[in-house]
């Protein structure tokens, strides 16, 4: 066939290219969107609704939006232009005026460079951890040093010339990242230990304790744990010993997340073929080496999707700390529109908050899909 194509003056590769009706965007649309009369009708109806919503949002967010407002001599914003357009166009001037409070809460204005550096450190830590080339033992040391540096920057130290800022003034995005990162980083090893303990056959007391812990924590909502950590926990402490609200909330989040993650990990352990355990025993491996080298790596690879789904859920659930008076990102946004000047312009703030949450959650989801694809490719090989 190559000789025939060459004699005809047509490149062989061009003769082998599949027709556009079989592959390509047009073929995909015909196969998935217009495959039958009801599929075509549903596509047209949904397309119309999506386009109408998209145009309405674009008209509100861009065409008739107010981007700036005048300020008086004292630096106070005048929201009169926005109120004249209320219900017609968005007032993004509220973001320009309140973005620092939304991102950093009540943190002192002159010291807000410190939580900004903390955000950058969190993002750098996530980026390094996502790169598989850095998956070494030294990465644990990097996590410890970075998290300690973040705590030092947020709290401050007179010795280092940093003004001390108590954690009751922390807020906004750094606090949300701190609660989520510390919560999940400490909950995951606890979850692995609980999952292994719940499957233990030689330690019935440990197994019973793990079962009671998981069922007790999963049987109550996170809000109730936050209330108990804030109100009842100090009652069980010795007189004169007290912890602030942030630490109590962090402990509640860790315990709650660990219970749910433990069940996810246990699902991976149960999905692992029995032959893997038997092969490890035949090699004469101890329980610790068998678990660390053979069982856990395969079990965790199986449960990557539910693990990431749980991570995403708990990243968003950190917003529940607002019920005990902690100003995370969501609460800072709500407090920003309590200003009489900007009351009634909460939609714009919530759009910004939704975009921030979406960026973090989508990044986790995108990374997990890539990780799952890479592990599946290595398994096929």
Protein backbone atom coordinates (compact mmCIF):
# COMPACT_ATOMS: atom_id res chain seq x y z
CA UNK A 1 0.00 0.00 0.00
CA UNK A 2 2.92 2.34 0.71
CA UNK A 3 4.18 1.82 -2.85
CA UNK A 4 0.73 2.53 -4.30
CA UNK A 5 0.42 5.71 -2.25
CA UNK A 6 3.90 6.84 -3.28
CA UNK A 7 3.11 6.20 -6.94
CA UNK A 8 -0.07 8.24 -6.62
CA UNK A 9 1.94 11.17 -5.22
CA UNK A 10 0.13 11.13 -1.87
CA UNK A 11 2.08 10.69 1.39
CA UNK A 12 1.38 7.37 3.08
CA UNK A 13 0.70 9.03 6.48
CA UNK A 14 -1.95 11.23 4.88
CA UNK A 15 -3.69 8.20 3.35
CA UNK A 16 -3.87 6.59 6.80
CA UNK A 17 -5.42 9.57 8.61
CA UNK A 18 -8.91 8.61 9.91
CA UNK A 19 -11.85 10.59 8.56
CA UNK A 20 -13.23 13.54 10.56
CA UNK A 21 -16.54 11.71 11.02
CA UNK A 22 -14.79 9.06 13.13
CA UNK A 23 -12.44 11.08 15.34
CA UNK A 24 -12.12 14.72 16.37
CA UNK A 25 -14.40 17.26 18.08
CA UNK A 26 -17.20 16.92 15.52
CA UNK A 27 -17.29 13.14 15.92
CA UNK A 28 -17.20 13.42 19.72
CA UNK A 29 -20.10 15.90 19.70
CA UNK A 30 -22.12 13.74 17.33
CA UNK A 31 -21.53 10.64 19.44
CA UNK A 32 -22.03 12.15 22.91
CA UNK A 33 -24.33 15.16 22.44
CA UNK A 34 -26.40 14.45 19.35
CA UNK A 35 -26.54 10.67 19.28
CA UNK A 36 -30.34 10.47 19.35
CA UNK A 37 -33.35 12.77 19.23
CA UNK A 38 -33.74 12.92 23.03
CA UNK A 39 -29.99 13.49 23.50
CA UNK A 40 -30.13 16.33 20.95
CA UNK A 41 -33.16 17.89 22.67
CA UNK A 42 -31.53 17.66 26.10
CA UNK A 43 -28.30 19.15 24.74
CA UNK A 44 -30.14 22.09 23.21
CA UNK A 45 -32.18 22.79 26.35
CA UNK A 46 -29.16 22.59 28.66
CA UNK A 47 -27.08 24.63 26.23
CA UNK A 48 -29.73 27.36 26.21
CA UNK A 49 -29.94 27.43 30.03
CA UNK A 50 -26.15 27.49 30.41
CA UNK A 51 -25.74 30.27 27.85
CA UNK A 52 -28.52 32.30 29.44
CA UNK A 53 -27.01 31.95 32.91
CA UNK A 54 -23.51 32.69 31.59
CA UNK A 55 -24.68 35.82 29.81
CA UNK A 56 -26.65 36.97 32.85
CA UNK A 57 -23.63 36.51 35.09
CA UNK A 58 -21.34 38.25 32.59
CA UNK A 59 -23.78 41.15 32.32
CA UNK A 60 -23.91 41.47 36.12
CA UNK A 61 -20.21 40.82 36.82
CA UNK A 62 -18.62 42.76 33.94
CA UNK A 63 -20.92 44.87 31.77
CA UNK A 64 -22.74 46.79 34.52
CA UNK A 65 -20.16 46.28 37.29
CA UNK A 66 -18.74 49.06 39.44
CA UNK A 67 -14.99 48.64 39.88
CA UNK A 68 -14.02 51.72 41.90
CA UNK A 69 -15.71 54.18 44.23
CA UNK A 70 -14.58 57.60 45.53
CA UNK A 71 -12.92 57.98 48.93
CA UNK A 72 -13.14 60.93 51.28
CA UNK A 73 -10.20 62.73 52.89
CA UNK A 74 -10.13 60.23 55.78
CA UNK A 75 -9.89 57.30 53.38
CA UNK A 76 -13.48 56.10 53.90
CA UNK A 77 -15.19 54.61 50.85
CA UNK A 78 -18.40 56.09 49.45
CA UNK A 79 -20.66 53.26 48.28
CA UNK A 80 -23.30 55.53 46.71
CA UNK A 81 -22.37 54.59 43.08
CA UNK A 82 -22.71 50.92 43.97
CA UNK A 83 -26.07 51.40 45.65
CA UNK A 84 -27.32 53.14 42.54
CA UNK A 85 -26.45 49.99 40.55
CA UNK A 86 -27.59 47.49 43.19
CA UNK A 87 -29.40 44.59 41.58
CA UNK A 88 -28.13 45.54 38.13
CA UNK A 89 -24.36 45.21 38.35
CA UNK A 90 -21.76 43.91 40.73
CA UNK A 91 -19.83 46.18 43.05
CA UNK A 92 -16.27 44.88 42.96
CA UNK A 93 -15.15 47.97 44.83
CA UNK A 94 -16.03 46.15 48.06
CA UNK A 95 -13.27 43.64 47.26
CA UNK A 96 -10.76 46.41 46.59
CA UNK A 97 -11.67 48.06 49.89
CA UNK A 98 -11.94 44.94 52.08
CA UNK A 99 -9.60 42.39 50.53
CA UNK A 100 -7.00 42.70 53.28
CA UNK A 101 -9.58 42.09 56.00
CA UNK A 102 -11.03 39.16 54.03
CA UNK A 103 -7.61 37.54 53.59
CA UNK A 104 -6.06 38.35 56.98
CA UNK A 105 -8.93 39.09 59.38
CA UNK A 106 -8.04 41.17 62.44
CA UNK A 107 -4.31 40.64 62.03
CA UNK A 108 -2.53 44.02 62.62
CA UNK A 109 -2.44 46.02 59.40
CA UNK A 110 1.27 46.86 59.56
CA UNK A 111 2.17 43.20 60.17
CA UNK A 112 0.08 41.65 57.42
CA UNK A 113 3.18 40.87 55.40
CA UNK A 114 3.73 37.99 57.81
CA UNK A 115 0.51 36.07 57.01
CA UNK A 116 1.15 36.84 53.35
CA UNK A 117 4.54 35.13 53.63
CA UNK A 118 2.83 32.25 55.43
CA UNK A 119 0.43 31.79 52.51
CA UNK A 120 3.41 31.67 50.15
CA UNK A 121 5.11 29.10 52.40
CA UNK A 122 1.98 26.93 52.43
CA UNK A 123 1.75 27.05 48.63
CA UNK A 124 5.45 26.25 48.26
CA UNK A 125 5.10 23.34 50.69
CA UNK A 126 2.14 21.97 48.70
CA UNK A 127 4.03 22.34 45.42
CA UNK A 128 7.13 20.55 46.74
CA UNK A 129 5.06 17.75 48.26
CA UNK A 130 3.17 17.27 44.99
CA UNK A 131 6.40 16.62 43.09
CA UNK A 132 7.25 12.93 43.36
CA UNK A 133 10.94 13.65 42.93
CA UNK A 134 10.95 15.06 46.49
CA UNK A 135 9.24 12.04 48.08
CA UNK A 136 12.11 11.24 50.40
CA UNK A 137 12.59 11.07 54.13
CA UNK A 138 13.94 14.61 54.08
CA UNK A 139 10.47 15.82 53.01
CA UNK A 140 9.18 15.13 56.52
CA UNK A 141 11.88 17.41 57.93
CA UNK A 142 10.91 20.08 55.40
CA UNK A 143 7.31 19.87 56.59
CA UNK A 144 8.30 20.21 60.25
CA UNK A 145 10.62 23.17 59.65
CA UNK A 146 8.13 24.96 57.38
CA UNK A 147 5.19 24.54 59.74
CA UNK A 148 7.26 25.72 62.69
CA UNK A 149 8.38 28.74 60.66
CA UNK A 150 4.75 29.52 59.80
CA UNK A 151 3.76 29.37 63.47
CA UNK A 152 6.69 31.61 64.36
CA UNK A 153 5.72 34.17 61.73
CA UNK A 154 2.07 34.16 62.72
CA UNK A 155 2.71 34.42 66.46
CA UNK A 156 5.88 36.51 66.41
CA UNK A 157 8.82 36.72 68.79
CA UNK A 158 10.23 39.72 70.58
CA UNK A 159 13.65 38.09 70.45
CA UNK A 160 13.56 38.09 66.65
CA UNK A 161 12.04 41.55 66.46
CA UNK A 162 8.58 40.32 65.44
CA UNK A 163 5.62 41.80 67.26
CA UNK A 164 3.70 39.13 69.19
CA UNK A 165 0.20 38.62 67.76
CA UNK A 166 -2.02 36.30 69.82
CA UNK A 167 -4.00 33.71 67.89
CA UNK A 168 -7.33 35.33 68.73
CA UNK A 169 -6.38 37.96 66.11
CA UNK A 170 -5.47 35.42 63.45
CA UNK A 171 -7.95 34.99 60.65
CA UNK A 172 -8.69 34.76 56.97
CA UNK A 173 -6.92 32.51 54.49
CA UNK A 174 -3.79 31.78 56.60
CA UNK A 175 -5.95 30.45 59.42
CA UNK A 176 -7.96 28.27 57.04
CA UNK A 177 -4.76 26.83 55.55
CA UNK A 178 -3.30 26.33 59.02
CA UNK A 179 -6.37 24.46 60.31
CA UNK A 180 -6.62 22.30 57.18
CA UNK A 181 -2.91 21.55 56.87
CA UNK A 182 -2.24 20.78 60.53
CA UNK A 183 -5.53 18.92 60.80
CA UNK A 184 -4.99 16.59 57.85
CA UNK A 185 -1.23 16.21 58.37
CA UNK A 186 -1.73 15.02 61.95
CA UNK A 187 -4.98 13.13 61.30
CA UNK A 188 -3.58 10.96 58.51
CA UNK A 189 -0.97 9.01 60.56
CA UNK A 190 -3.53 8.65 63.36
CA UNK A 191 -6.03 7.33 60.81
CA UNK A 192 -3.54 4.75 59.51
CA UNK A 193 -2.84 3.57 63.07
CA UNK A 194 -6.58 3.31 63.84
CA UNK A 195 -7.26 1.43 60.59
CA UNK A 196 -4.51 -1.07 61.34
CA UNK A 197 -5.67 -1.39 64.94
CA UNK A 198 -9.26 -2.04 63.86
CA UNK A 199 -8.08 -4.96 61.70
CA UNK A 200 -5.83 -6.40 64.40
CA UNK A 201 -6.58 -10.00 65.38
CA UNK A 202 -3.90 -10.41 68.04
CA UNK A 203 -4.79 -7.29 70.07
CA UNK A 204 -8.55 -7.44 70.80
CA UNK A 205 -8.39 -4.59 73.32
CA UNK A 206 -6.76 -2.28 70.77
CA UNK A 207 -9.28 -3.36 68.15
CA UNK A 208 -12.20 -2.61 70.47
CA UNK A 209 -10.75 0.78 71.35
CA UNK A 210 -10.36 1.67 67.66
CA UNK A 211 -13.91 0.55 66.87
CA UNK A 212 -15.35 2.61 69.73
CA UNK A 213 -13.33 5.65 68.69
CA UNK A 214 -14.40 5.51 65.04
CA UNK A 215 -18.07 4.82 65.72
CA UNK A 216 -18.26 7.45 68.46
CA UNK A 217 -16.64 10.21 66.41
CA UNK A 218 -18.53 9.37 63.22
CA UNK A 219 -21.79 9.29 65.13
CA UNK A 220 -21.75 13.01 65.95
CA UNK A 221 -21.43 16.07 63.68
CA UNK A 222 -18.28 18.18 63.64
CA UNK A 223 -20.20 21.11 65.11
CA UNK A 224 -20.89 19.15 68.29
CA UNK A 225 -17.19 18.27 68.63
CA UNK A 226 -16.24 21.91 68.20
CA UNK A 227 -18.72 22.92 70.89
CA UNK A 228 -17.47 20.22 73.23
CA UNK A 229 -13.84 21.19 72.66
CA UNK A 230 -14.68 24.83 73.32
CA UNK A 231 -17.07 24.46 76.26
CA UNK A 232 -16.64 21.07 77.91
CA UNK A 233 -12.96 20.31 77.33
CA UNK A 234 -11.74 22.97 79.81
CA UNK A 235 -13.91 21.35 82.51
CA UNK A 236 -11.80 18.17 82.37
CA UNK A 237 -8.49 20.01 82.65
CA UNK A 238 -6.71 20.69 85.96
CA UNK A 239 -7.31 24.04 87.56
CA UNK A 240 -5.15 26.72 86.01
CA UNK A 241 -4.58 24.75 82.79
CA UNK A 242 -6.39 26.17 79.80
CA UNK A 243 -6.01 26.09 76.03
CA UNK A 244 -7.16 28.75 73.61
CA UNK A 245 -10.00 28.26 71.15
CA UNK A 246 -7.73 27.71 68.17
CA UNK A 247 -5.92 24.75 69.72
CA UNK A 248 -9.21 23.22 70.89
CA UNK A 249 -10.70 23.56 67.42
CA UNK A 250 -7.57 22.04 65.89
CA UNK A 251 -7.76 19.00 68.18
CA UNK A 252 -11.46 18.52 67.33
CA UNK A 253 -10.73 18.69 63.59
CA UNK A 254 -7.85 16.21 63.91
CA UNK A 255 -9.95 13.66 65.81
CA UNK A 256 -12.90 14.05 63.46
CA UNK A 257 -10.82 13.79 60.29
CA UNK A 258 -8.87 10.80 61.59
CA UNK A 259 -12.05 8.79 62.17
CA UNK A 260 -13.24 9.27 58.59
CA UNK A 261 -9.80 8.75 57.05
CA UNK A 262 -9.38 5.57 59.08
CA UNK A 263 -12.41 4.03 57.40
CA UNK A 264 -11.07 5.00 53.98
CA UNK A 265 -7.70 3.40 54.74
CA UNK A 266 -9.43 0.31 56.15
CA UNK A 267 -11.31 -0.03 52.86
CA UNK A 268 -7.99 -0.10 51.02
CA UNK A 269 -6.61 -2.70 53.41
CA UNK A 270 -9.64 -4.93 52.88
CA UNK A 271 -9.46 -4.49 49.08
CA UNK A 272 -5.89 -5.77 49.00
CA UNK A 273 -5.76 -9.41 47.80
CA UNK A 274 -5.05 -11.94 50.52
CA UNK A 275 -2.15 -13.26 48.48
CA UNK A 276 -0.17 -10.09 49.20
CA UNK A 277 -0.29 -10.79 52.92
CA UNK A 278 0.59 -14.44 52.40
CA UNK A 279 3.51 -13.55 50.11
CA UNK A 280 4.88 -11.15 52.72
CA UNK A 281 4.58 -13.83 55.41
CA UNK A 282 6.31 -16.35 53.14
CA UNK A 283 9.25 -13.96 52.81
CA UNK A 284 9.57 -13.93 56.58
CA UNK A 285 8.93 -10.19 56.93
CA UNK A 286 8.02 -8.82 60.32
CA UNK A 287 4.66 -7.15 60.83
CA UNK A 288 6.19 -3.69 60.69
CA UNK A 289 8.17 -4.30 57.49
CA UNK A 290 5.25 -6.11 55.85
CA UNK A 291 2.91 -3.23 56.62
CA UNK A 292 5.35 -0.48 55.64
CA UNK A 293 6.78 -2.02 52.47
CA UNK A 294 3.96 -4.10 51.00
CA UNK A 295 0.54 -3.57 52.55
CA UNK A 296 0.22 0.19 53.07
CA UNK A 297 1.69 1.35 49.71
CA UNK A 298 -0.77 -0.81 47.77
CA UNK A 299 -3.73 -0.07 50.03
CA UNK A 300 -3.21 3.68 49.86
CA UNK A 301 -2.84 3.55 46.09
CA UNK A 302 -6.22 1.86 45.84
CA UNK A 303 -8.01 4.51 47.91
CA UNK A 304 -6.54 7.66 46.34
CA UNK A 305 -9.95 8.94 45.07
CA UNK A 306 -11.82 8.58 48.40
CA UNK A 307 -8.81 9.94 50.30
CA UNK A 308 -8.69 13.10 48.20
CA UNK A 309 -12.46 13.42 48.40
CA UNK A 310 -12.18 13.33 52.20
CA UNK A 311 -9.34 15.88 52.11
CA UNK A 312 -11.48 18.24 50.02
CA UNK A 313 -14.45 17.83 52.35
CA UNK A 314 -12.43 18.63 55.46
CA UNK A 315 -10.71 21.58 53.80
CA UNK A 316 -14.15 23.13 53.36
CA UNK A 317 -15.40 21.97 56.77
CA UNK A 318 -12.81 24.16 58.48
CA UNK A 319 -15.30 26.99 57.93
CA UNK A 320 -17.42 25.50 60.75
CA UNK A 321 -15.00 26.95 63.31
CA UNK A 322 -16.92 30.22 62.97
CA UNK A 323 -19.47 28.89 65.47
CA UNK A 324 -16.88 29.15 68.26
CA UNK A 325 -15.76 32.62 67.28
CA UNK A 326 -12.75 31.86 65.07
CA UNK A 327 -12.49 34.09 62.01
CA UNK A 328 -11.47 31.80 59.20
CA UNK A 329 -11.69 32.83 55.54
CA UNK A 330 -15.47 32.49 55.33
CA UNK A 331 -16.14 34.29 58.60
CA UNK A 332 -13.76 37.11 57.66
CA UNK A 333 -15.68 37.55 54.42
CA UNK A 334 -18.98 37.67 56.27
CA UNK A 335 -17.60 40.18 58.78
CA UNK A 336 -16.30 42.37 55.94
CA UNK A 337 -19.83 43.09 54.69
CA UNK A 338 -21.05 43.87 58.22
CA UNK A 339 -19.50 47.28 57.69
CA UNK A 340 -22.46 49.68 57.27
CA UNK A 341 -20.81 51.12 54.17
CA UNK A 342 -20.88 47.75 52.39
CA UNK A 343 -23.97 46.09 53.79
CA UNK A 344 -25.94 44.44 51.01
CA UNK A 345 -22.91 43.60 48.86
CA UNK A 346 -22.24 40.12 50.17
CA UNK A 347 -22.69 38.42 46.79
CA UNK A 348 -19.44 39.86 45.47
CA UNK A 349 -17.54 38.72 48.56
CA UNK A 350 -19.00 35.23 48.39
CA UNK A 351 -18.05 34.96 44.71
CA UNK A 352 -14.45 35.72 45.70
CA UNK A 353 -14.53 33.19 48.56
CA UNK A 354 -16.05 30.54 46.30
CA UNK A 355 -13.29 31.15 43.75
CA UNK A 356 -10.59 30.74 46.41
CA UNK A 357 -12.11 27.52 47.75
CA UNK A 358 -12.60 26.22 44.20
CA UNK A 359 -8.96 26.84 43.26
CA UNK A 360 -7.66 24.82 46.21
CA UNK A 361 -10.20 22.00 45.82
CA UNK A 362 -9.75 21.77 42.05
CA UNK A 363 -5.97 21.65 42.46
CA UNK A 364 -6.32 18.70 44.86
CA UNK A 365 -8.71 16.93 42.52
CA UNK A 366 -6.52 17.53 39.46
CA UNK A 367 -3.42 16.28 41.25
CA UNK A 368 -5.17 13.15 42.50
CA UNK A 369 -6.31 12.26 38.98
CA UNK A 370 -2.75 12.61 37.70
CA UNK A 371 -1.39 10.58 40.60
CA UNK A 372 -3.96 7.85 40.06
CA UNK A 373 -3.17 7.76 36.33
CA UNK A 374 0.57 7.45 36.98
CA UNK A 375 0.10 4.63 39.47
CA UNK A 376 -2.28 2.82 37.13
CA UNK A 377 0.30 3.08 34.33
CA UNK A 378 3.01 1.61 36.54
CA UNK A 379 0.66 -1.23 37.52
CA UNK A 380 -0.05 -2.07 33.89
CA UNK A 381 3.66 -2.25 33.18
